[in-house]
């Protein structure tokens, strides 16, 4: 039987809302191991601001 080792890797999800960006890191079981949210940067802010907002969430 095969199974994944949860700690062997991670996935990153980015949720863009109208007025916020949220970045979530999950293990291979789907458990959230890290989460950042930045208000004031969302779909209405334009592409450059959204990309910068995701970068800020990931780096801080």
PDB file of N, CA and C in Angstrom:
ATOM      1  N   UNK A   1       0.836  -1.163   0.000  1.00  0.00           N
ATOM      2  CA  UNK A   1       0.000   0.000   0.000  1.00  0.00           C
ATOM      3  C   UNK A   1       0.896   1.246   0.000  1.00  0.00           C
ATOM      4  N   UNK A   2       0.548   2.205  -0.810  1.00  0.00           N
ATOM      5  CA  UNK A   2       1.300   3.455  -0.889  1.00  0.00           C
ATOM      6  C   UNK A   2       0.586   4.541  -0.101  1.00  0.00           C
ATOM      7  N   UNK A   3       1.371   5.411   0.489  1.00  0.00           N
ATOM      8  CA  UNK A   3       0.800   6.575   1.165  1.00  0.00           C
ATOM      9  C   UNK A   3       1.815   7.708   1.132  1.00  0.00           C
ATOM     10  N   UNK A   4       1.329   8.903   1.226  1.00  0.00           N
ATOM     11  CA  UNK A   4       2.201  10.076   1.238  1.00  0.00           C
ATOM     12  C   UNK A   4       2.700  10.351   2.644  1.00  0.00           C
ATOM     13  N   UNK A   5       3.912  10.797   2.755  1.00  0.00           N
ATOM     14  CA  UNK A   5       4.456  11.261   4.026  1.00  0.00           C
ATOM     15  C   UNK A   5       4.132  12.756   4.095  1.00  0.00           C
ATOM     16  N   UNK A   6       3.266  13.188   5.014  1.00  0.00           N
ATOM     17  CA  UNK A   6       2.791  14.565   5.031  1.00  0.00           C
ATOM     18  C   UNK A   6       3.895  15.611   5.058  1.00  0.00           C
ATOM     19  N   UNK A   7       4.996  15.326   5.732  1.00  0.00           N
ATOM     20  CA  UNK A   7       6.072  16.299   5.876  1.00  0.00           C
ATOM     21  C   UNK A   7       7.030  16.299   4.688  1.00  0.00           C
ATOM     22  N   UNK A   8       6.804  15.433   3.709  1.00  0.00           N
ATOM     23  CA  UNK A   8       7.736  15.303   2.588  1.00  0.00           C
ATOM     24  C   UNK A   8       7.634  16.451   1.591  1.00  0.00           C
ATOM     25  N   UNK A   9       6.579  17.213   1.651  1.00  0.00           N
ATOM     26  CA  UNK A   9       6.417  18.324   0.720  1.00  0.00           C
ATOM     27  C   UNK A   9       5.297  19.235   1.153  1.00  0.00           C
ATOM     28  N   UNK A  10       5.168  20.331   0.455  1.00  0.00           N
ATOM     29  CA  UNK A  10       4.142  21.312   0.771  1.00  0.00           C
ATOM     30  C   UNK A  10       3.554  21.879  -0.514  1.00  0.00           C
ATOM     31  N   UNK A  11       2.369  22.424  -0.400  1.00  0.00           N
ATOM     32  CA  UNK A  11       1.717  23.109  -1.515  1.00  0.00           C
ATOM     33  C   UNK A  11       1.357  24.511  -1.048  1.00  0.00           C
ATOM     34  N   UNK A  12       1.329  25.435  -1.985  1.00  0.00           N
ATOM     35  CA  UNK A  12       1.003  26.828  -1.683  1.00  0.00           C
ATOM     36  C   UNK A  12      -0.267  27.201  -2.438  1.00  0.00           C
ATOM     37  N   UNK A  13      -1.181  27.823  -1.726  1.00  0.00           N
ATOM     38  CA  UNK A  13      -2.404  28.317  -2.341  1.00  0.00           C
ATOM     39  C   UNK A  13      -2.512  29.818  -2.152  1.00  0.00           C
ATOM     40  N   UNK A  14      -2.992  30.496  -3.186  1.00  0.00           N
ATOM     41  CA  UNK A  14      -3.180  31.946  -3.120  1.00  0.00           C
ATOM     42  C   UNK A  14      -4.641  32.235  -3.416  1.00  0.00           C
ATOM     43  N   UNK A  15      -5.296  32.933  -2.500  1.00  0.00           N
ATOM     44  CA  UNK A  15      -6.692  33.322  -2.682  1.00  0.00           C
ATOM     45  C   UNK A  15      -6.743  34.834  -2.865  1.00  0.00           C
ATOM     46  N   UNK A  16      -7.247  35.253  -4.011  1.00  0.00           N
ATOM     47  CA  UNK A  16      -7.401  36.673  -4.287  1.00  0.00           C
ATOM     48  C   UNK A  16      -8.857  37.050  -4.083  1.00  0.00           C
ATOM     49  N   UNK A  17      -9.082  37.976  -3.197  1.00  0.00           N
ATOM     50  CA  UNK A  17     -10.423  38.479  -2.927  1.00  0.00           C
ATOM     51  C   UNK A  17     -10.508  39.899  -3.470  1.00  0.00           C
ATOM     52  N   UNK A  18     -11.646  40.506  -3.341  1.00  0.00           N
ATOM     53  CA  UNK A  18     -11.831  41.858  -3.843  1.00  0.00           C
ATOM     54  C   UNK A  18     -10.916  42.856  -3.154  1.00  0.00           C
ATOM     55  N   UNK A  19     -10.675  42.655  -1.854  1.00  0.00           N
ATOM     56  CA  UNK A  19      -9.897  43.639  -1.094  1.00  0.00           C
ATOM     57  C   UNK A  19      -8.802  43.030  -0.227  1.00  0.00           C
ATOM     58  N   UNK A  20      -8.395  41.798  -0.518  1.00  0.00           N
ATOM     59  CA  UNK A  20      -7.346  41.158   0.279  1.00  0.00           C
ATOM     60  C   UNK A  20      -6.715  40.018  -0.511  1.00  0.00           C
ATOM     61  N   UNK A  21      -5.521  39.645  -0.102  1.00  0.00           N
ATOM     62  CA  UNK A  21      -4.845  38.474  -0.658  1.00  0.00           C
ATOM     63  C   UNK A  21      -4.478  37.573   0.518  1.00  0.00           C
ATOM     64  N   UNK A  22      -4.644  36.265   0.337  1.00  0.00           N
ATOM     65  CA  UNK A  22      -4.356  35.300   1.397  1.00  0.00           C
ATOM     66  C   UNK A  22      -3.484  34.205   0.801  1.00  0.00           C
ATOM     67  N   UNK A  23      -2.386  33.884   1.476  1.00  0.00           N
ATOM     68  CA  UNK A  23      -1.467  32.835   1.040  1.00  0.00           C
ATOM     69  C   UNK A  23      -1.454  31.760   2.123  1.00  0.00           C
ATOM     70  N   UNK A  24      -1.637  30.505   1.712  1.00  0.00           N
ATOM     71  CA  UNK A  24      -1.706  29.388   2.646  1.00  0.00           C
ATOM     72  C   UNK A  24      -0.714  28.315   2.199  1.00  0.00           C
ATOM     73  N   UNK A  25       0.005  27.743   3.168  1.00  0.00           N
ATOM     74  CA  UNK A  25       0.902  26.613   2.913  1.00  0.00           C
ATOM     75  C   UNK A  25       0.308  25.406   3.627  1.00  0.00           C
ATOM     76  N   UNK A  26       0.169  24.286   2.889  1.00  0.00           N
ATOM     77  CA  UNK A  26      -0.382  23.061   3.464  1.00  0.00           C
ATOM     78  C   UNK A  26       0.609  21.921   3.289  1.00  0.00           C
ATOM     79  N   UNK A  27       0.527  20.927   4.196  1.00  0.00           N
ATOM     80  CA  UNK A  27       1.345  19.730   4.020  1.00  0.00           C
ATOM     81  C   UNK A  27       0.613  18.782   3.070  1.00  0.00           C
ATOM     82  N   UNK A  28       1.169  17.610   2.825  1.00  0.00           N
ATOM     83  CA  UNK A  28       0.577  16.693   1.856  1.00  0.00           C
ATOM     84  C   UNK A  28      -0.687  16.009   2.350  1.00  0.00           C
ATOM     85  N   UNK A  29      -1.057  16.215   3.609  1.00  0.00           N
ATOM     86  CA  UNK A  29      -2.353  15.771   4.128  1.00  0.00           C
ATOM     87  C   UNK A  29      -3.402  16.866   3.996  1.00  0.00           C
ATOM     88  N   UNK A  30      -2.982  18.045   3.566  1.00  0.00           N
ATOM     89  CA  UNK A  30      -3.904  19.163   3.425  1.00  0.00           C
ATOM     90  C   UNK A  30      -4.065  19.993   4.684  1.00  0.00           C
ATOM     91  N   UNK A  31      -3.248  19.748   5.691  1.00  0.00           N
ATOM     92  CA  UNK A  31      -3.306  20.540   6.929  1.00  0.00           C
ATOM     93  C   UNK A  31      -2.557  21.850   6.729  1.00  0.00           C
ATOM     94  N   UNK A  32      -3.172  22.925   7.150  1.00  0.00           N
ATOM     95  CA  UNK A  32      -2.552  24.244   7.036  1.00  0.00           C
ATOM     96  C   UNK A  32      -1.385  24.329   8.007  1.00  0.00           C
ATOM     97  N   UNK A  33      -0.194  24.656   7.490  1.00  0.00           N
ATOM     98  CA  UNK A  33       0.991  24.807   8.332  1.00  0.00           C
ATOM     99  C   UNK A  33       1.453  26.260   8.389  1.00  0.00           C
ATOM    100  N   UNK A  34       0.898  27.098   7.538  1.00  0.00           N
ATOM    101  CA  UNK A  34       1.230  28.519   7.554  1.00  0.00           C
ATOM    102  C   UNK A  34       0.208  29.304   6.766  1.00  0.00           C
ATOM    103  N   UNK A  35      -0.051  30.519   7.214  1.00  0.00           N
ATOM    104  CA  UNK A  35      -1.051  31.346   6.550  1.00  0.00           C
ATOM    105  C   UNK A  35      -0.720  32.817   6.752  1.00  0.00           C
ATOM    106  N   UNK A  36      -0.844  33.590   5.704  1.00  0.00           N
ATOM    107  CA  UNK A  36      -0.658  35.042   5.778  1.00  0.00           C
ATOM    108  C   UNK A  36      -1.788  35.709   5.013  1.00  0.00           C
ATOM    109  N   UNK A  37      -2.202  36.868   5.486  1.00  0.00           N
ATOM    110  CA  UNK A  37      -3.245  37.634   4.816  1.00  0.00           C
ATOM    111  C   UNK A  37      -2.819  39.087   4.772  1.00  0.00           C
ATOM    112  N   UNK A  38      -3.098  39.734   3.668  1.00  0.00           N
ATOM    113  CA  UNK A  38      -2.786  41.150   3.550  1.00  0.00           C
ATOM    114  C   UNK A  38      -4.024  41.876   3.042  1.00  0.00           C
ATOM    115  N   UNK A  39      -4.579  42.703   3.890  1.00  0.00           N
ATOM    116  CA  UNK A  39      -5.765  43.484   3.531  1.00  0.00           C
ATOM    117  C   UNK A  39      -5.347  44.695   2.708  1.00  0.00           C
ATOM    118  N   UNK A  40      -6.276  45.209   1.937  1.00  0.00           N
ATOM    119  CA  UNK A  40      -6.021  46.403   1.163  1.00  0.00           C
ATOM    120  C   UNK A  40      -5.420  46.130  -0.205  1.00  0.00           C
ATOM    121  N   UNK A  41      -5.036  44.884  -0.450  1.00  0.00           N
ATOM    122  CA  UNK A  41      -4.499  44.501  -1.762  1.00  0.00           C
ATOM    123  C   UNK A  41      -5.370  43.367  -2.271  1.00  0.00           C
ATOM    124  N   UNK A  42      -6.087  43.611  -3.331  1.00  0.00           N
ATOM    125  CA  UNK A  42      -6.951  42.583  -3.889  1.00  0.00           C
ATOM    126  C   UNK A  42      -7.159  42.811  -5.364  1.00  0.00           C
ATOM    127  N   UNK A  43      -8.140  42.156  -5.911  1.00  0.00           N
ATOM    128  CA  UNK A  43      -8.379  42.216  -7.348  1.00  0.00           C
ATOM    129  C   UNK A  43      -8.587  43.635  -7.861  1.00  0.00           C
ATOM    130  N   UNK A  44      -9.161  44.494  -7.039  1.00  0.00           N
ATOM    131  CA  UNK A  44      -9.402  45.859  -7.462  1.00  0.00           C
ATOM    132  C   UNK A  44      -8.157  46.728  -7.489  1.00  0.00           C
ATOM    133  N   UNK A  45      -7.052  46.236  -6.972  1.00  0.00           N
ATOM    134  CA  UNK A  45      -5.829  47.042  -6.870  1.00  0.00           C
ATOM    135  C   UNK A  45      -4.982  47.014  -8.140  1.00  0.00           C
ATOM    136  N   UNK A  46      -5.265  46.122  -9.056  1.00  0.00           N
ATOM    137  CA  UNK A  46      -4.461  46.010 -10.275  1.00  0.00           C
ATOM    138  C   UNK A  46      -3.424  44.914 -10.167  1.00  0.00           C
ATOM    139  N   UNK A  47      -2.970  44.449 -11.315  1.00  0.00           N
ATOM    140  CA  UNK A  47      -2.073  43.289 -11.377  1.00  0.00           C
ATOM    141  C   UNK A  47      -0.760  43.507 -10.631  1.00  0.00           C
ATOM    142  N   UNK A  48      -0.125  44.645 -10.817  1.00  0.00           N
ATOM    143  CA  UNK A  48       1.168  44.890 -10.157  1.00  0.00           C
ATOM    144  C   UNK A  48       1.042  44.875  -8.640  1.00  0.00           C
ATOM    145  N   UNK A  49       0.002  45.508  -8.125  1.00  0.00           N
ATOM    146  CA  UNK A  49      -0.206  45.548  -6.673  1.00  0.00           C
ATOM    147  C   UNK A  49      -0.517  44.162  -6.119  1.00  0.00           C
ATOM    148  N   UNK A  50      -1.274  43.359  -6.866  1.00  0.00           N
ATOM    149  CA  UNK A  50      -1.598  42.007  -6.402  1.00  0.00           C
ATOM    150  C   UNK A  50      -0.346  41.142  -6.361  1.00  0.00           C
ATOM    151  N   UNK A  51       0.464  41.202  -7.404  1.00  0.00           N
ATOM    152  CA  UNK A  51       1.705  40.401  -7.414  1.00  0.00           C
ATOM    153  C   UNK A  51       2.619  40.836  -6.271  1.00  0.00           C
ATOM    154  N   UNK A  52       2.719  42.131  -6.046  1.00  0.00           N
ATOM    155  CA  UNK A  52       3.532  42.618  -4.924  1.00  0.00           C
ATOM    156  C   UNK A  52       2.948  42.151  -3.590  1.00  0.00           C
ATOM    157  N   UNK A  53       1.623  42.182  -3.452  1.00  0.00           N
ATOM    158  CA  UNK A  53       0.975  41.747  -2.214  1.00  0.00           C
ATOM    159  C   UNK A  53       1.226  40.281  -1.926  1.00  0.00           C
ATOM    160  N   UNK A  54       1.191  39.438  -2.957  1.00  0.00           N
ATOM    161  CA  UNK A  54       1.489  38.017  -2.776  1.00  0.00           C
ATOM    162  C   UNK A  54       2.953  37.851  -2.358  1.00  0.00           C
ATOM    163  N   UNK A  55       3.840  38.608  -2.977  1.00  0.00           N
ATOM    164  CA  UNK A  55       5.256  38.538  -2.624  1.00  0.00           C
ATOM    165  C   UNK A  55       5.505  38.950  -1.187  1.00  0.00           C
ATOM    166  N   UNK A  56       4.827  39.992  -0.728  1.00  0.00           N
ATOM    167  CA  UNK A  56       4.972  40.452   0.652  1.00  0.00           C
ATOM    168  C   UNK A  56       4.455  39.399   1.614  1.00  0.00           C
ATOM    169  N   UNK A  57       3.315  38.776   1.289  1.00  0.00           N
ATOM    170  CA  UNK A  57       2.775  37.729   2.145  1.00  0.00           C
ATOM    171  C   UNK A  57       3.738  36.557   2.262  1.00  0.00           C
ATOM    172  N   UNK A  58       4.358  36.204   1.164  1.00  0.00           N
ATOM    173  CA  UNK A  58       5.250  35.037   1.160  1.00  0.00           C
ATOM    174  C   UNK A  58       6.591  35.317   1.830  1.00  0.00           C
ATOM    175  N   UNK A  59       7.034  36.538   1.799  1.00  0.00           N
ATOM    176  CA  UNK A  59       8.375  36.828   2.315  1.00  0.00           C
ATOM    177  C   UNK A  59       8.399  37.260   3.779  1.00  0.00           C
ATOM    178  N   UNK A  60       7.271  37.640   4.315  1.00  0.00           N
ATOM    179  CA  UNK A  60       7.293  38.120   5.711  1.00  0.00           C
ATOM    180  C   UNK A  60       7.012  37.046   6.704  1.00  0.00           C
TER     181      UNK A  60
END
